[in-house]
Amino acid sequence: IIHGLFSFNAAAHGLLQKLGGSDPANIKEFQARFASPV
């Protein structure tokens, strides 16, 4: 199975890219629950 933290980090990247202009200053907190394997 793929690392849960890969999915976590890939989602964080997508959010920052789509909403935050890919600027690391535009995200303050990020969280998720690992619900099932990938």
PDB file of all heavy atoms in Angstrom:
ATOM      1  N   ILE A   1       0.855  -1.184   0.000  1.00  0.00           N
ATOM      2  CA  ILE A   1       0.000   0.000   0.000  1.00  0.00           C
ATOM      3  C   ILE A   1       0.896   1.241   0.000  1.00  0.00           C
ATOM      4  O   ILE A   1       2.054   1.186   0.409  1.00  0.00           O
ATOM      5  CB  ILE A   1      -0.975   0.043   1.193  1.00  0.00           C
ATOM      6  CG1 ILE A   1      -0.239   0.086   2.525  1.00  0.00           C
ATOM      7  CG2 ILE A   1      -1.930  -1.138   1.147  1.00  0.00           C
ATOM      8  CD1 ILE A   1      -1.136   0.324   3.733  1.00  0.00           C
ATOM      9  N   ILE A   2       0.331   2.338  -0.493  1.00  0.00           N
ATOM     10  CA  ILE A   2       1.076   3.598  -0.549  1.00  0.00           C
ATOM     11  C   ILE A   2       1.091   4.245   0.827  1.00  0.00           C
ATOM     12  O   ILE A   2       0.126   4.138   1.592  1.00  0.00           O
ATOM     13  CB  ILE A   2       0.440   4.530  -1.607  1.00  0.00           C
ATOM     14  CG1 ILE A   2       0.680   3.955  -3.020  1.00  0.00           C
ATOM     15  CG2 ILE A   2       0.992   5.948  -1.514  1.00  0.00           C
ATOM     16  CD1 ILE A   2       0.060   4.758  -4.141  1.00  0.00           C
ATOM     17  N   HIS A   3       2.177   4.936   1.153  1.00  0.00           N
ATOM     18  CA  HIS A   3       2.263   5.676   2.412  1.00  0.00           C
ATOM     19  C   HIS A   3       1.028   6.566   2.577  1.00  0.00           C
ATOM     20  O   HIS A   3       0.676   7.332   1.671  1.00  0.00           O
ATOM     21  CB  HIS A   3       3.478   6.612   2.423  1.00  0.00           C
ATOM     22  CG  HIS A   3       4.795   5.961   2.171  1.00  0.00           C
ATOM     23  ND1 HIS A   3       5.188   5.520   0.915  1.00  0.00           N
ATOM     24  CD2 HIS A   3       5.840   5.723   3.008  1.00  0.00           C
ATOM     25  CE1 HIS A   3       6.415   5.024   0.996  1.00  0.00           C
ATOM     26  NE2 HIS A   3       6.827   5.133   2.247  1.00  0.00           N
ATOM     27  N   GLY A   4       0.401   6.482   3.756  1.00  0.00           N
ATOM     28  CA  GLY A   4      -0.684   7.409   4.028  1.00  0.00           C
ATOM     29  C   GLY A   4      -0.225   8.857   3.908  1.00  0.00           C
ATOM     30  O   GLY A   4      -0.968   9.734   3.444  1.00  0.00           O
ATOM     31  N   LEU A   5       1.021   9.111   4.288  1.00  0.00           N
ATOM     32  CA  LEU A   5       1.529  10.480   4.230  1.00  0.00           C
ATOM     33  C   LEU A   5       1.821  10.934   2.802  1.00  0.00           C
ATOM     34  O   LEU A   5       1.938  12.135   2.558  1.00  0.00           O
ATOM     35  CB  LEU A   5       2.763  10.636   5.116  1.00  0.00           C
ATOM     36  CG  LEU A   5       2.448  10.719   6.610  1.00  0.00           C
ATOM     37  CD1 LEU A   5       3.718  10.625   7.442  1.00  0.00           C
ATOM     38  CD2 LEU A   5       1.688  12.002   6.941  1.00  0.00           C
ATOM     39  N   PHE A   6       1.934  10.004   1.848  1.00  0.00           N
ATOM     40  CA  PHE A   6       1.988  10.452   0.453  1.00  0.00           C
ATOM     41  C   PHE A   6       0.659  11.091   0.068  1.00  0.00           C
ATOM     42  O   PHE A   6       0.615  12.194  -0.478  1.00  0.00           O
ATOM     43  CB  PHE A   6       2.289   9.297  -0.515  1.00  0.00           C
ATOM     44  CG  PHE A   6       2.029   9.703  -1.946  1.00  0.00           C
ATOM     45  CD1 PHE A   6       2.956  10.434  -2.659  1.00  0.00           C
ATOM     46  CD2 PHE A   6       0.806   9.400  -2.567  1.00  0.00           C
ATOM     47  CE1 PHE A   6       2.687  10.868  -3.964  1.00  0.00           C
ATOM     48  CE2 PHE A   6       0.533   9.821  -3.854  1.00  0.00           C
ATOM     49  CZ  PHE A   6       1.479  10.559  -4.551  1.00  0.00           C
ATOM     50  N   SER A   7      -0.441  10.392   0.353  1.00  0.00           N
ATOM     51  CA  SER A   7      -1.762  10.939   0.028  1.00  0.00           C
ATOM     52  C   SER A   7      -1.992  12.260   0.761  1.00  0.00           C
ATOM     53  O   SER A   7      -2.542  13.217   0.200  1.00  0.00           O
ATOM     54  CB  SER A   7      -2.854   9.937   0.401  1.00  0.00           C
ATOM     55  OG  SER A   7      -2.644   8.687  -0.241  1.00  0.00           O
ATOM     56  N   PHE A   8      -1.567  12.326   2.023  1.00  0.00           N
ATOM     57  CA  PHE A   8      -1.677  13.522   2.842  1.00  0.00           C
ATOM     58  C   PHE A   8      -0.928  14.696   2.201  1.00  0.00           C
ATOM     59  O   PHE A   8      -1.472  15.792   2.008  1.00  0.00           O
ATOM     60  CB  PHE A   8      -1.104  13.190   4.221  1.00  0.00           C
ATOM     61  CG  PHE A   8      -1.175  14.259   5.259  1.00  0.00           C
ATOM     62  CD1 PHE A   8      -2.245  14.325   6.141  1.00  0.00           C
ATOM     63  CD2 PHE A   8      -0.138  15.165   5.432  1.00  0.00           C
ATOM     64  CE1 PHE A   8      -2.298  15.282   7.150  1.00  0.00           C
ATOM     65  CE2 PHE A   8      -0.173  16.119   6.431  1.00  0.00           C
ATOM     66  CZ  PHE A   8      -1.255  16.188   7.291  1.00  0.00           C
ATOM     67  N   ASN A   9       0.331  14.455   1.844  1.00  0.00           N
ATOM     68  CA  ASN A   9       1.151  15.520   1.269  1.00  0.00           C
ATOM     69  C   ASN A   9       0.694  15.913  -0.135  1.00  0.00           C
ATOM     70  O   ASN A   9       0.734  17.096  -0.496  1.00  0.00           O
ATOM     71  CB  ASN A   9       2.615  15.082   1.235  1.00  0.00           C
ATOM     72  CG  ASN A   9       3.239  15.040   2.610  1.00  0.00           C
ATOM     73  OD1 ASN A   9       3.105  15.968   3.395  1.00  0.00           O
ATOM     74  ND2 ASN A   9       3.924  13.951   2.915  1.00  0.00           N
ATOM     75  N   ALA A  10       0.250  14.927  -0.928  1.00  0.00           N
ATOM     76  CA  ALA A  10      -0.239  15.231  -2.270  1.00  0.00           C
ATOM     77  C   ALA A  10      -1.503  16.082  -2.200  1.00  0.00           C
ATOM     78  O   ALA A  10      -1.699  17.002  -3.015  1.00  0.00           O
ATOM     79  CB  ALA A  10      -0.501  13.939  -3.037  1.00  0.00           C
ATOM     80  N   ALA A  11      -2.366  15.810  -1.210  1.00  0.00           N
ATOM     81  CA  ALA A  11      -3.566  16.630  -1.033  1.00  0.00           C
ATOM     82  C   ALA A  11      -3.193  18.043  -0.598  1.00  0.00           C
ATOM     83  O   ALA A  11      -3.769  19.034  -1.075  1.00  0.00           O
ATOM     84  CB  ALA A  11      -4.505  15.983  -0.017  1.00  0.00           C
ATOM     85  N   ALA A  12      -2.229  18.164   0.315  1.00  0.00           N
ATOM     86  CA  ALA A  12      -1.776  19.486   0.750  1.00  0.00           C
ATOM     87  C   ALA A  12      -1.221  20.278  -0.431  1.00  0.00           C
ATOM     88  O   ALA A  12      -1.498  21.480  -0.579  1.00  0.00           O
ATOM     89  CB  ALA A  12      -0.723  19.346   1.840  1.00  0.00           C
ATOM     90  N   HIS A  13      -0.459  19.591  -1.288  1.00  0.00           N
ATOM     91  CA  HIS A  13       0.072  20.270  -2.470  1.00  0.00           C
ATOM     92  C   HIS A  13      -1.054  20.759  -3.373  1.00  0.00           C
ATOM     93  O   HIS A  13      -1.051  21.901  -3.836  1.00  0.00           O
ATOM     94  CB  HIS A  13       1.005  19.352  -3.264  1.00  0.00           C
ATOM     95  CG  HIS A  13       1.319  19.890  -4.621  1.00  0.00           C
ATOM     96  ND1 HIS A  13       0.846  19.305  -5.776  1.00  0.00           N
ATOM     97  CD2 HIS A  13       1.995  21.003  -5.002  1.00  0.00           C
ATOM     98  CE1 HIS A  13       1.244  20.025  -6.812  1.00  0.00           C
ATOM     99  NE2 HIS A  13       1.943  21.051  -6.365  1.00  0.00           N
ATOM    100  N   GLY A  14      -2.053  19.904  -3.622  1.00  0.00           N
ATOM    101  CA  GLY A  14      -3.160  20.293  -4.490  1.00  0.00           C
ATOM    102  C   GLY A  14      -3.928  21.488  -3.946  1.00  0.00           C
ATOM    103  O   GLY A  14      -4.281  22.409  -4.686  1.00  0.00           O
ATOM    104  N   LEU A  15      -4.179  21.488  -2.631  1.00  0.00           N
ATOM    105  CA  LEU A  15      -4.887  22.620  -2.027  1.00  0.00           C
ATOM    106  C   LEU A  15      -4.081  23.908  -2.153  1.00  0.00           C
ATOM    107  O   LEU A  15      -4.622  24.967  -2.507  1.00  0.00           O
ATOM    108  CB  LEU A  15      -5.182  22.347  -0.544  1.00  0.00           C
ATOM    109  CG  LEU A  15      -6.604  21.871  -0.227  1.00  0.00           C
ATOM    110  CD1 LEU A  15      -6.854  20.482  -0.773  1.00  0.00           C
ATOM    111  CD2 LEU A  15      -6.872  21.912   1.271  1.00  0.00           C
ATOM    112  N   LEU A  16      -2.789  23.822  -1.875  1.00  0.00           N
ATOM    113  CA  LEU A  16      -1.972  25.034  -1.950  1.00  0.00           C
ATOM    114  C   LEU A  16      -1.868  25.540  -3.389  1.00  0.00           C
ATOM    115  O   LEU A  16      -1.916  26.745  -3.641  1.00  0.00           O
ATOM    116  CB  LEU A  16      -0.576  24.757  -1.384  1.00  0.00           C
ATOM    117  CG  LEU A  16       0.288  25.996  -1.155  1.00  0.00           C
ATOM    118  CD1 LEU A  16      -0.351  26.953  -0.160  1.00  0.00           C
ATOM    119  CD2 LEU A  16       1.690  25.612  -0.701  1.00  0.00           C
ATOM    120  N   GLN A  17      -1.783  24.599  -4.330  1.00  0.00           N
ATOM    121  CA  GLN A  17      -1.682  24.974  -5.741  1.00  0.00           C
ATOM    122  C   GLN A  17      -2.988  25.581  -6.249  1.00  0.00           C
ATOM    123  O   GLN A  17      -2.984  26.615  -6.923  1.00  0.00           O
ATOM    124  CB  GLN A  17      -1.314  23.740  -6.568  1.00  0.00           C
ATOM    125  CG  GLN A  17      -1.103  24.017  -8.045  1.00  0.00           C
ATOM    126  CD  GLN A  17      -0.824  22.738  -8.812  1.00  0.00           C
ATOM    127  OE1 GLN A  17      -1.541  21.749  -8.666  1.00  0.00           O
ATOM    128  NE2 GLN A  17       0.239  22.732  -9.605  1.00  0.00           N
ATOM    129  N   LYS A  18      -4.119  24.973  -5.907  1.00  0.00           N
ATOM    130  CA  LYS A  18      -5.409  25.404  -6.467  1.00  0.00           C
ATOM    131  C   LYS A  18      -6.005  26.608  -5.753  1.00  0.00           C
ATOM    132  O   LYS A  18      -6.719  27.409  -6.369  1.00  0.00           O
ATOM    133  CB  LYS A  18      -6.413  24.242  -6.416  1.00  0.00           C
ATOM    134  CG  LYS A  18      -5.990  22.999  -7.183  1.00  0.00           C
ATOM    135  CD  LYS A  18      -5.899  23.260  -8.670  1.00  0.00           C
ATOM    136  CE  LYS A  18      -5.582  21.976  -9.438  1.00  0.00           C
ATOM    137  NZ  LYS A  18      -5.415  22.225 -10.893  1.00  0.00           N
ATOM    138  N   LEU A  19      -5.753  26.718  -4.447  1.00  0.00           N
ATOM    139  CA  LEU A  19      -6.375  27.796  -3.668  1.00  0.00           C
ATOM    140  C   LEU A  19      -5.384  28.843  -3.183  1.00  0.00           C
ATOM    141  O   LEU A  19      -5.753  30.008  -3.016  1.00  0.00           O
ATOM    142  CB  LEU A  19      -7.107  27.222  -2.451  1.00  0.00           C
ATOM    143  CG  LEU A  19      -8.294  26.293  -2.694  1.00  0.00           C
ATOM    144  CD1 LEU A  19      -8.910  25.886  -1.362  1.00  0.00           C
ATOM    145  CD2 LEU A  19      -9.338  26.956  -3.577  1.00  0.00           C
ATOM    146  N   GLY A  20      -4.161  28.419  -2.904  1.00  0.00           N
ATOM    147  CA  GLY A  20      -3.206  29.312  -2.256  1.00  0.00           C
ATOM    148  C   GLY A  20      -2.129  29.868  -3.152  1.00  0.00           C
ATOM    149  O   GLY A  20      -1.120  30.397  -2.650  1.00  0.00           O
ATOM    150  N   GLY A  21      -2.313  29.764  -4.484  1.00  0.00           N
ATOM    151  CA  GLY A  21      -1.315  30.315  -5.398  1.00  0.00           C
ATOM    152  C   GLY A  21       0.058  29.705  -5.254  1.00  0.00           C
ATOM    153  O   GLY A  21       1.063  30.309  -5.631  1.00  0.00           O
ATOM    154  N   SER A  22       0.135  28.497  -4.699  1.00  0.00           N
ATOM    155  CA  SER A  22       1.407  27.785  -4.459  1.00  0.00           C
ATOM    156  C   SER A  22       2.357  28.562  -3.553  1.00  0.00           C
ATOM    157  O   SER A  22       3.560  28.320  -3.551  1.00  0.00           O
ATOM    158  CB  SER A  22       2.114  27.434  -5.784  1.00  0.00           C
ATOM    159  OG  SER A  22       1.399  26.441  -6.476  1.00  0.00           O
ATOM    160  N   ASP A  23       1.812  29.476  -2.774  1.00  0.00           N
ATOM    161  CA  ASP A  23       2.630  30.280  -1.858  1.00  0.00           C
ATOM    162  C   ASP A  23       2.562  29.648  -0.468  1.00  0.00           C
ATOM    163  O   ASP A  23       1.485  29.590   0.135  1.00  0.00           O
ATOM    164  CB  ASP A  23       2.090  31.710  -1.816  1.00  0.00           C
ATOM    165  CG  ASP A  23       2.926  32.629  -0.936  1.00  0.00           C
ATOM    166  OD1 ASP A  23       3.733  32.134  -0.130  1.00  0.00           O
ATOM    167  OD2 ASP A  23       2.755  33.861  -1.053  1.00  0.00           O
ATOM    168  N   PRO A  24       3.695  29.167   0.058  1.00  0.00           N
ATOM    169  CA  PRO A  24       3.653  28.490   1.359  1.00  0.00           C
ATOM    170  C   PRO A  24       3.162  29.383   2.496  1.00  0.00           C
ATOM    171  O   PRO A  24       2.730  28.875   3.537  1.00  0.00           O
ATOM    172  CB  PRO A  24       5.097  28.038   1.585  1.00  0.00           C
ATOM    173  CG  PRO A  24       5.926  28.841   0.640  1.00  0.00           C
ATOM    174  CD  PRO A  24       5.051  29.171  -0.520  1.00  0.00           C
ATOM    175  N   ALA A  25       3.191  30.695   2.303  1.00  0.00           N
ATOM    176  CA  ALA A  25       2.691  31.605   3.336  1.00  0.00           C
ATOM    177  C   ALA A  25       1.174  31.589   3.438  1.00  0.00           C
ATOM    178  O   ALA A  25       0.607  32.154   4.385  1.00  0.00           O
ATOM    179  CB  ALA A  25       3.166  33.028   3.051  1.00  0.00           C
ATOM    180  N   ASN A  26       0.502  30.928   2.481  1.00  0.00           N
ATOM    181  CA  ASN A  26      -0.964  30.953   2.438  1.00  0.00           C
ATOM    182  C   ASN A  26      -1.633  29.737   3.067  1.00  0.00           C
ATOM    183  O   ASN A  26      -2.822  29.518   2.876  1.00  0.00           O
ATOM    184  CB  ASN A  26      -1.447  31.127   0.989  1.00  0.00           C
ATOM    185  CG  ASN A  26      -1.209  32.531   0.481  1.00  0.00           C
ATOM    186  OD1 ASN A  26      -1.120  33.475   1.266  1.00  0.00           O
ATOM    187  ND2 ASN A  26      -1.088  32.682  -0.836  1.00  0.00           N
ATOM    188  N   ILE A  27      -0.880  28.955   3.830  1.00  0.00           N
ATOM    189  CA  ILE A  27      -1.479  27.829   4.557  1.00  0.00           C
ATOM    190  C   ILE A  27      -0.944  27.834   5.987  1.00  0.00           C
ATOM    191  O   ILE A  27       0.257  27.989   6.216  1.00  0.00           O
ATOM    192  CB  ILE A  27      -1.225  26.478   3.846  1.00  0.00           C
ATOM    193  CG1 ILE A  27      -2.017  25.358   4.519  1.00  0.00           C
ATOM    194  CG2 ILE A  27       0.261  26.149   3.745  1.00  0.00           C
ATOM    195  CD1 ILE A  27      -2.110  24.086   3.679  1.00  0.00           C
ATOM    196  N   LYS A  28      -1.858  27.713   6.932  1.00  0.00           N
ATOM    197  CA  LYS A  28      -1.514  27.805   8.352  1.00  0.00           C
ATOM    198  C   LYS A  28      -1.650  26.474   9.069  1.00  0.00           C
ATOM    199  O   LYS A  28      -0.858  26.151   9.957  1.00  0.00           O
ATOM    200  CB  LYS A  28      -2.415  28.845   9.027  1.00  0.00           C
ATOM    201  CG  LYS A  28      -2.106  29.105  10.485  1.00  0.00           C
ATOM    202  CD  LYS A  28      -3.064  30.152  11.049  1.00  0.00           C
ATOM    203  CE  LYS A  28      -2.733  30.448  12.514  1.00  0.00           C
ATOM    204  NZ  LYS A  28      -3.690  31.426  13.083  1.00  0.00           N
ATOM    205  N   GLU A  29      -2.690  25.696   8.704  1.00  0.00           N
ATOM    206  CA  GLU A  29      -2.908  24.371   9.289  1.00  0.00           C
ATOM    207  C   GLU A  29      -3.412  23.436   8.207  1.00  0.00           C
ATOM    208  O   GLU A  29      -4.056  23.863   7.245  1.00  0.00           O
ATOM    209  CB  GLU A  29      -3.964  24.411  10.413  1.00  0.00           C
ATOM    210  CG  GLU A  29      -3.546  25.128  11.662  1.00  0.00           C
ATOM    211  CD  GLU A  29      -4.568  24.968  12.790  1.00  0.00           C
ATOM    212  OE1 GLU A  29      -5.554  24.214  12.601  1.00  0.00           O
ATOM    213  OE2 GLU A  29      -4.371  25.584  13.846  1.00  0.00           O
ATOM    214  N   PHE A  30      -3.136  22.145   8.411  1.00  0.00           N
ATOM    215  CA  PHE A  30      -3.609  21.127   7.472  1.00  0.00           C
ATOM    216  C   PHE A  30      -3.780  19.832   8.254  1.00  0.00           C
ATOM    217  O   PHE A  30      -2.893  19.439   9.018  1.00  0.00           O
ATOM    218  CB  PHE A  30      -2.596  20.927   6.341  1.00  0.00           C
ATOM    219  CG  PHE A  30      -3.033  19.946   5.284  1.00  0.00           C
ATOM    220  CD1 PHE A  30      -3.864  20.345   4.248  1.00  0.00           C
ATOM    221  CD2 PHE A  30      -2.622  18.630   5.329  1.00  0.00           C
ATOM    222  CE1 PHE A  30      -4.272  19.454   3.265  1.00  0.00           C
ATOM    223  CE2 PHE A  30      -3.030  17.721   4.357  1.00  0.00           C
ATOM    224  CZ  PHE A  30      -3.853  18.142   3.325  1.00  0.00           C
ATOM    225  N   GLN A  31      -4.932  19.170   8.075  1.00  0.00           N
ATOM    226  CA  GLN A  31      -5.149  17.917   8.793  1.00  0.00           C
ATOM    227  C   GLN A  31      -6.047  16.976   8.001  1.00  0.00           C
ATOM    228  O   GLN A  31      -6.828  17.405   7.145  1.00  0.00           O
ATOM    229  CB  GLN A  31      -5.763  18.176  10.166  1.00  0.00           C
ATOM    230  CG  GLN A  31      -7.217  18.559  10.165  1.00  0.00           C
ATOM    231  CD  GLN A  31      -7.736  18.759  11.584  1.00  0.00           C
ATOM    232  OE1 GLN A  31      -7.508  19.808  12.190  1.00  0.00           O
ATOM    233  NE2 GLN A  31      -8.421  17.755  12.111  1.00  0.00           N
ATOM    234  N   ALA A  32      -5.926  15.687   8.322  1.00  0.00           N
ATOM    235  CA  ALA A  32      -6.788  14.667   7.713  1.00  0.00           C
ATOM    236  C   ALA A  32      -6.691  13.394   8.526  1.00  0.00           C
ATOM    237  O   ALA A  32      -5.728  13.162   9.272  1.00  0.00           O
ATOM    238  CB  ALA A  32      -6.385  14.401   6.264  1.00  0.00           C
ATOM    239  N   ARG A  33      -7.709  12.555   8.363  1.00  0.00           N
ATOM    240  CA  ARG A  33      -7.752  11.233   8.983  1.00  0.00           C
ATOM    241  C   ARG A  33      -7.494  10.192   7.894  1.00  0.00           C
ATOM    242  O   ARG A  33      -8.057  10.262   6.805  1.00  0.00           O
ATOM    243  CB  ARG A  33      -9.116  10.998   9.630  1.00  0.00           C
ATOM    244  CG  ARG A  33      -9.263   9.651  10.319  1.00  0.00           C
ATOM    245  CD  ARG A  33     -10.664   9.506  10.905  1.00  0.00           C
ATOM    246  NE  ARG A  33     -10.927  10.539  11.918  1.00  0.00           N
ATOM    247  CZ  ARG A  33     -12.129  11.003  12.215  1.00  0.00           C
ATOM    248  NH1 ARG A  33     -13.194  10.568  11.565  1.00  0.00           N
ATOM    249  NH2 ARG A  33     -12.271  11.926  13.142  1.00  0.00           N
ATOM    250  N   PHE A  34      -6.655   9.226   8.196  1.00  0.00           N
ATOM    251  CA  PHE A  34      -6.324   8.173   7.242  1.00  0.00           C
ATOM    252  C   PHE A  34      -7.404   7.097   7.335  1.00  0.00           C
ATOM    253  O   PHE A  34      -7.461   6.339   8.301  1.00  0.00           O
ATOM    254  CB  PHE A  34      -4.932   7.615   7.527  1.00  0.00           C
ATOM    255  CG  PHE A  34      -3.866   8.674   7.473  1.00  0.00           C
ATOM    256  CD1 PHE A  34      -3.483   9.337   8.633  1.00  0.00           C
ATOM    257  CD2 PHE A  34      -3.269   9.032   6.286  1.00  0.00           C
ATOM    258  CE1 PHE A  34      -2.518  10.329   8.599  1.00  0.00           C
ATOM    259  CE2 PHE A  34      -2.301  10.025   6.230  1.00  0.00           C
ATOM    260  CZ  PHE A  34      -1.920  10.673   7.387  1.00  0.00           C
ATOM    261  N   ALA A  35      -8.284   7.041   6.337  1.00  0.00           N
ATOM    262  CA  ALA A  35      -9.513   6.261   6.447  1.00  0.00           C
ATOM    263  C   ALA A  35      -9.411   4.868   5.834  1.00  0.00           C
ATOM    264  O   ALA A  35     -10.048   3.929   6.310  1.00  0.00           O
ATOM    265  CB  ALA A  35     -10.675   7.024   5.793  1.00  0.00           C
ATOM    266  N   SER A  36      -8.659   4.724   4.755  1.00  0.00           N
ATOM    267  CA  SER A  36      -8.518   3.408   4.113  1.00  0.00           C
ATOM    268  C   SER A  36      -7.259   3.418   3.244  1.00  0.00           C
ATOM    269  O   SER A  36      -6.780   4.483   2.839  1.00  0.00           O
ATOM    270  CB  SER A  36      -9.754   3.069   3.270  1.00  0.00           C
ATOM    271  OG  SER A  36      -9.883   3.956   2.188  1.00  0.00           O
ATOM    272  N   PRO A  37      -6.718   2.242   2.953  1.00  0.00           N
ATOM    273  CA  PRO A  37      -5.448   2.199   2.217  1.00  0.00           C
ATOM    274  C   PRO A  37      -5.594   2.554   0.746  1.00  0.00           C
ATOM    275  O   PRO A  37      -6.665   2.423   0.144  1.00  0.00           O
ATOM    276  CB  PRO A  37      -5.003   0.743   2.383  1.00  0.00           C
ATOM    277  CG  PRO A  37      -6.245  -0.021   2.676  1.00  0.00           C
ATOM    278  CD  PRO A  37      -7.161   0.912   3.395  1.00  0.00           C
ATOM    279  N   VAL A  38      -4.491   3.014   0.186  1.00  0.00           N
ATOM    280  CA  VAL A  38      -4.380   3.319  -1.243  1.00  0.00           C
ATOM    281  C   VAL A  38      -3.353   2.371  -1.833  1.00  0.00           C
ATOM    282  O   VAL A  38      -2.278   2.155  -1.242  1.00  0.00           O
ATOM    283  CB  VAL A  38      -3.943   4.788  -1.458  1.00  0.00           C
ATOM    284  CG1 VAL A  38      -3.744   5.080  -2.938  1.00  0.00           C
ATOM    285  CG2 VAL A  38      -4.964   5.743  -0.849  1.00  0.00           C
TER     286      VAL A  38
END
